[in-house]
Amino acid sequence: MPVRWNDELTCKYVELYKEHKCLWNMNSTLYKRKDARQSVLEERVRKMGLENFNTDDAKQKIKSLRATYQQESILISFKLFFYTFSCPFYF
């Protein structure tokens, strides 16, 4: 992933990812079908329109975003009301 991701690009990626439950909802019937997830992921990569961005990069980006989300959740639980969110996709 040679492109440095800004907040706008990250939010766009999260929104595209949320559109298909088969990528993240374990209760989805398509979640269990690797071929279905792969084809949806390939479509998301095309919609991002980034040069040299492939499905492996997309999978790595989601892992990274999940790790960041978990870190933010931990910080929020410790700092409660005084914490300012540092990642734009945290809702």
N, C-alpha and C. Protein backbone atom coordinates (compact mmCIF):
# COMPACT_ATOMS: atom_id res chain seq x y z
N MET A 1 0.84 -1.18 0.00
CA MET A 1 0.00 0.00 0.00
C MET A 1 0.88 1.25 0.00
N PRO A 2 1.25 1.73 -1.14
CA PRO A 2 2.15 2.88 -1.20
C PRO A 2 1.48 4.20 -0.86
N VAL A 3 0.18 4.27 -0.89
CA VAL A 3 -0.54 5.52 -0.64
C VAL A 3 -0.72 5.70 0.86
N ARG A 4 -0.43 6.90 1.35
CA ARG A 4 -0.67 7.24 2.76
C ARG A 4 -2.15 7.56 2.90
N TRP A 5 -2.83 6.83 3.77
CA TRP A 5 -4.28 6.98 3.94
C TRP A 5 -4.59 8.17 4.83
N ASN A 6 -5.44 9.06 4.34
CA ASN A 6 -5.92 10.17 5.16
C ASN A 6 -7.29 9.78 5.73
N ASP A 7 -7.85 10.66 6.54
CA ASP A 7 -9.14 10.36 7.19
C ASP A 7 -10.25 10.13 6.18
N GLU A 8 -10.27 10.92 5.12
CA GLU A 8 -11.33 10.80 4.11
C GLU A 8 -11.27 9.44 3.41
N LEU A 9 -10.08 9.01 3.06
CA LEU A 9 -9.89 7.73 2.39
C LEU A 9 -10.25 6.57 3.32
N THR A 10 -9.88 6.69 4.59
CA THR A 10 -10.19 5.66 5.57
C THR A 10 -11.70 5.55 5.77
N CYS A 11 -12.37 6.69 5.90
CA CYS A 11 -13.83 6.68 6.07
C CYS A 11 -14.53 6.09 4.85
N LYS A 12 -14.02 6.41 3.66
CA LYS A 12 -14.60 5.84 2.43
C LYS A 12 -14.46 4.32 2.44
N TYR A 13 -13.30 3.83 2.84
CA TYR A 13 -13.07 2.40 2.89
C TYR A 13 -14.00 1.71 3.90
N VAL A 14 -14.16 2.31 5.06
CA VAL A 14 -15.04 1.75 6.09
C VAL A 14 -16.48 1.72 5.59
N GLU A 15 -16.92 2.79 4.94
CA GLU A 15 -18.29 2.82 4.41
C GLU A 15 -18.51 1.75 3.35
N LEU A 16 -17.54 1.56 2.46
CA LEU A 16 -17.65 0.51 1.45
C LEU A 16 -17.65 -0.86 2.10
N TYR A 17 -16.87 -1.02 3.13
CA TYR A 17 -16.78 -2.31 3.82
C TYR A 17 -18.10 -2.63 4.53
N LYS A 18 -18.73 -1.61 5.13
CA LYS A 18 -19.98 -1.83 5.86
C LYS A 18 -21.14 -2.21 4.96
N GLU A 19 -21.07 -1.89 3.67
CA GLU A 19 -22.17 -2.16 2.75
C GLU A 19 -22.49 -3.65 2.62
N HIS A 20 -21.50 -4.51 2.79
CA HIS A 20 -21.71 -5.95 2.62
C HIS A 20 -21.45 -6.69 3.92
N LYS A 21 -22.51 -7.18 4.51
CA LYS A 21 -22.40 -7.87 5.79
C LYS A 21 -21.59 -9.15 5.69
N CYS A 22 -21.48 -9.72 4.51
CA CYS A 22 -20.74 -10.97 4.36
C CYS A 22 -19.26 -10.79 4.68
N LEU A 23 -18.78 -9.56 4.70
CA LEU A 23 -17.38 -9.31 5.02
C LEU A 23 -17.11 -9.26 6.52
N TRP A 24 -18.13 -8.96 7.31
CA TRP A 24 -17.89 -8.75 8.73
C TRP A 24 -18.90 -9.41 9.67
N ASN A 25 -20.06 -9.81 9.18
CA ASN A 25 -21.09 -10.39 10.05
C ASN A 25 -21.02 -11.92 9.99
N MET A 26 -20.57 -12.53 11.08
CA MET A 26 -20.42 -13.98 11.11
C MET A 26 -21.75 -14.71 11.00
N ASN A 27 -22.85 -14.03 11.24
CA ASN A 27 -24.18 -14.65 11.13
C ASN A 27 -24.72 -14.64 9.70
N SER A 28 -24.06 -13.93 8.83
CA SER A 28 -24.47 -13.89 7.43
C SER A 28 -24.19 -15.24 6.77
N THR A 29 -25.12 -15.69 5.94
CA THR A 29 -24.93 -16.97 5.26
C THR A 29 -23.76 -16.91 4.28
N LEU A 30 -23.53 -15.74 3.69
CA LEU A 30 -22.42 -15.59 2.75
C LEU A 30 -21.07 -15.46 3.44
N TYR A 31 -21.06 -15.16 4.72
CA TYR A 31 -19.81 -15.04 5.46
C TYR A 31 -19.02 -16.35 5.43
N LYS A 32 -19.74 -17.45 5.45
CA LYS A 32 -19.11 -18.77 5.47
C LYS A 32 -18.58 -19.19 4.10
N ARG A 33 -18.95 -18.45 3.05
CA ARG A 33 -18.50 -18.77 1.69
C ARG A 33 -17.33 -17.86 1.31
N LYS A 34 -16.15 -18.44 1.31
CA LYS A 34 -14.94 -17.67 1.04
C LYS A 34 -14.97 -17.04 -0.36
N ASP A 35 -15.52 -17.77 -1.33
CA ASP A 35 -15.58 -17.23 -2.70
C ASP A 35 -16.46 -15.99 -2.78
N ALA A 36 -17.56 -15.98 -2.03
CA ALA A 36 -18.46 -14.81 -2.01
C ALA A 36 -17.76 -13.62 -1.36
N ARG A 37 -17.10 -13.86 -0.24
CA ARG A 37 -16.37 -12.77 0.43
C ARG A 37 -15.27 -12.23 -0.47
N GLN A 38 -14.58 -13.13 -1.14
CA GLN A 38 -13.48 -12.71 -2.01
C GLN A 38 -13.97 -11.84 -3.16
N SER A 39 -15.08 -12.23 -3.79
CA SER A 39 -15.60 -11.44 -4.91
C SER A 39 -16.07 -10.06 -4.45
N VAL A 40 -16.70 -10.00 -3.28
CA VAL A 40 -17.14 -8.71 -2.74
C VAL A 40 -15.93 -7.85 -2.40
N LEU A 41 -14.92 -8.47 -1.85
CA LEU A 41 -13.71 -7.73 -1.50
C LEU A 41 -13.02 -7.18 -2.75
N GLU A 42 -13.00 -7.96 -3.82
CA GLU A 42 -12.42 -7.49 -5.08
C GLU A 42 -13.20 -6.29 -5.62
N GLU A 43 -14.52 -6.35 -5.47
CA GLU A 43 -15.35 -5.22 -5.91
C GLU A 43 -15.03 -3.97 -5.10
N ARG A 44 -14.84 -4.12 -3.79
CA ARG A 44 -14.51 -2.99 -2.91
C ARG A 44 -13.17 -2.38 -3.32
N VAL A 45 -12.21 -3.24 -3.65
CA VAL A 45 -10.90 -2.76 -4.07
C VAL A 45 -11.03 -1.92 -5.34
N ARG A 46 -11.84 -2.39 -6.28
CA ARG A 46 -12.05 -1.63 -7.53
C ARG A 46 -12.72 -0.29 -7.23
N LYS A 47 -13.70 -0.29 -6.33
CA LYS A 47 -14.40 0.96 -6.01
C LYS A 47 -13.50 1.98 -5.31
N MET A 48 -12.49 1.50 -4.60
CA MET A 48 -11.57 2.43 -3.95
C MET A 48 -10.78 3.21 -5.00
N GLY A 49 -10.47 2.57 -6.12
CA GLY A 49 -9.79 3.26 -7.21
C GLY A 49 -8.35 3.66 -6.92
N LEU A 50 -7.69 2.93 -6.04
CA LEU A 50 -6.30 3.24 -5.71
C LEU A 50 -5.35 2.40 -6.55
N GLU A 51 -4.29 3.02 -6.98
CA GLU A 51 -3.29 2.31 -7.77
C GLU A 51 -2.51 1.36 -6.85
N ASN A 52 -2.25 0.15 -7.32
CA ASN A 52 -1.50 -0.87 -6.57
C ASN A 52 -2.17 -1.28 -5.26
N PHE A 53 -3.46 -1.18 -5.17
CA PHE A 53 -4.22 -1.61 -3.99
C PHE A 53 -4.95 -2.88 -4.37
N ASN A 54 -4.62 -4.00 -3.71
CA ASN A 54 -5.23 -5.27 -4.06
C ASN A 54 -5.97 -5.87 -2.86
N THR A 55 -6.50 -7.07 -3.03
CA THR A 55 -7.30 -7.68 -1.96
C THR A 55 -6.46 -7.98 -0.72
N ASP A 56 -5.20 -8.33 -0.90
CA ASP A 56 -4.34 -8.57 0.26
C ASP A 56 -4.14 -7.28 1.06
N ASP A 57 -3.97 -6.18 0.35
CA ASP A 57 -3.86 -4.88 1.02
C ASP A 57 -5.16 -4.54 1.76
N ALA A 58 -6.29 -4.85 1.12
CA ALA A 58 -7.59 -4.58 1.73
C ALA A 58 -7.78 -5.37 3.02
N LYS A 59 -7.38 -6.63 3.00
CA LYS A 59 -7.47 -7.46 4.21
C LYS A 59 -6.57 -6.92 5.31
N GLN A 60 -5.37 -6.51 4.94
CA GLN A 60 -4.43 -5.96 5.92
C GLN A 60 -4.95 -4.65 6.49
N LYS A 61 -5.57 -3.84 5.66
CA LYS A 61 -6.12 -2.56 6.12
C LYS A 61 -7.22 -2.79 7.15
N ILE A 62 -8.08 -3.78 6.91
CA ILE A 62 -9.15 -4.07 7.87
C ILE A 62 -8.56 -4.56 9.19
N LYS A 63 -7.54 -5.40 9.13
CA LYS A 63 -6.89 -5.85 10.37
C LYS A 63 -6.33 -4.66 11.15
N SER A 64 -5.72 -3.75 10.43
CA SER A 64 -5.16 -2.56 11.04
C SER A 64 -6.25 -1.69 11.67
N LEU A 65 -7.35 -1.49 10.94
CA LEU A 65 -8.45 -0.68 11.46
C LEU A 65 -9.10 -1.32 12.68
N ARG A 66 -9.22 -2.64 12.67
CA ARG A 66 -9.79 -3.34 13.83
C ARG A 66 -8.90 -3.18 15.05
N ALA A 67 -7.59 -3.28 14.85
CA ALA A 67 -6.65 -3.09 15.96
C ALA A 67 -6.75 -1.68 16.52
N THR A 68 -6.83 -0.70 15.63
CA THR A 68 -6.97 0.69 16.06
C THR A 68 -8.27 0.89 16.83
N TYR A 69 -9.35 0.29 16.34
CA TYR A 69 -10.65 0.38 17.00
C TYR A 69 -10.58 -0.21 18.41
N GLN A 70 -9.92 -1.35 18.54
CA GLN A 70 -9.79 -1.97 19.86
C GLN A 70 -8.98 -1.10 20.81
N GLN A 71 -7.92 -0.48 20.31
CA GLN A 71 -7.11 0.42 21.13
C GLN A 71 -7.93 1.62 21.59
N GLU A 72 -8.71 2.18 20.67
CA GLU A 72 -9.57 3.31 21.02
C GLU A 72 -10.59 2.91 22.08
N SER A 73 -11.17 1.72 21.93
CA SER A 73 -12.17 1.25 22.89
C SER A 73 -11.57 1.13 24.29
N ILE A 74 -10.36 0.62 24.36
CA ILE A 74 -9.68 0.49 25.65
C ILE A 74 -9.42 1.86 26.26
N LEU A 75 -8.93 2.79 25.45
CA LEU A 75 -8.67 4.15 25.96
C LEU A 75 -9.95 4.82 26.44
N ILE A 76 -11.02 4.61 25.72
CA ILE A 76 -12.30 5.20 26.11
C ILE A 76 -12.77 4.63 27.44
N SER A 77 -12.60 3.34 27.63
CA SER A 77 -13.05 2.72 28.88
C SER A 77 -12.26 3.24 30.08
N PHE A 78 -11.00 3.62 29.88
CA PHE A 78 -10.19 4.15 30.97
C PHE A 78 -10.38 5.64 31.20
N LYS A 79 -10.57 6.39 30.13
CA LYS A 79 -10.62 7.85 30.25
C LYS A 79 -12.05 8.39 30.28
N LEU A 80 -12.99 7.56 29.99
CA LEU A 80 -14.40 7.89 30.03
C LEU A 80 -14.74 9.16 29.27
N PHE A 81 -15.22 10.18 29.94
CA PHE A 81 -15.76 11.38 29.29
C PHE A 81 -14.68 12.34 28.79
N PHE A 82 -13.46 12.18 29.22
CA PHE A 82 -12.43 13.15 28.90
C PHE A 82 -11.62 12.79 27.67
N TYR A 83 -11.95 11.70 27.02
CA TYR A 83 -11.16 11.23 25.89
C TYR A 83 -11.67 11.81 24.58
N THR A 84 -10.76 12.29 23.75
CA THR A 84 -11.09 12.79 22.41
C THR A 84 -10.70 11.72 21.41
N PHE A 85 -11.63 11.35 20.54
CA PHE A 85 -11.38 10.29 19.57
C PHE A 85 -10.27 10.69 18.61
N SER A 86 -9.36 9.76 18.37
CA SER A 86 -8.29 10.06 17.43
C SER A 86 -8.51 9.42 16.07
N CYS A 87 -9.43 8.46 15.98
CA CYS A 87 -9.70 7.88 14.66
C CYS A 87 -11.08 8.32 14.19
N PRO A 88 -11.15 8.74 12.95
CA PRO A 88 -12.37 9.35 12.43
C PRO A 88 -13.52 8.38 12.21
N PHE A 89 -13.23 7.08 12.15
CA PHE A 89 -14.26 6.12 11.86
C PHE A 89 -14.86 5.51 13.11
N TYR A 90 -14.43 5.96 14.28
CA TYR A 90 -14.95 5.42 15.53
C TYR A 90 -16.32 6.04 15.79
N PHE A 91 -17.34 5.21 15.90
CA PHE A 91 -18.68 5.74 16.17
C PHE A 91 -19.12 5.27 17.51
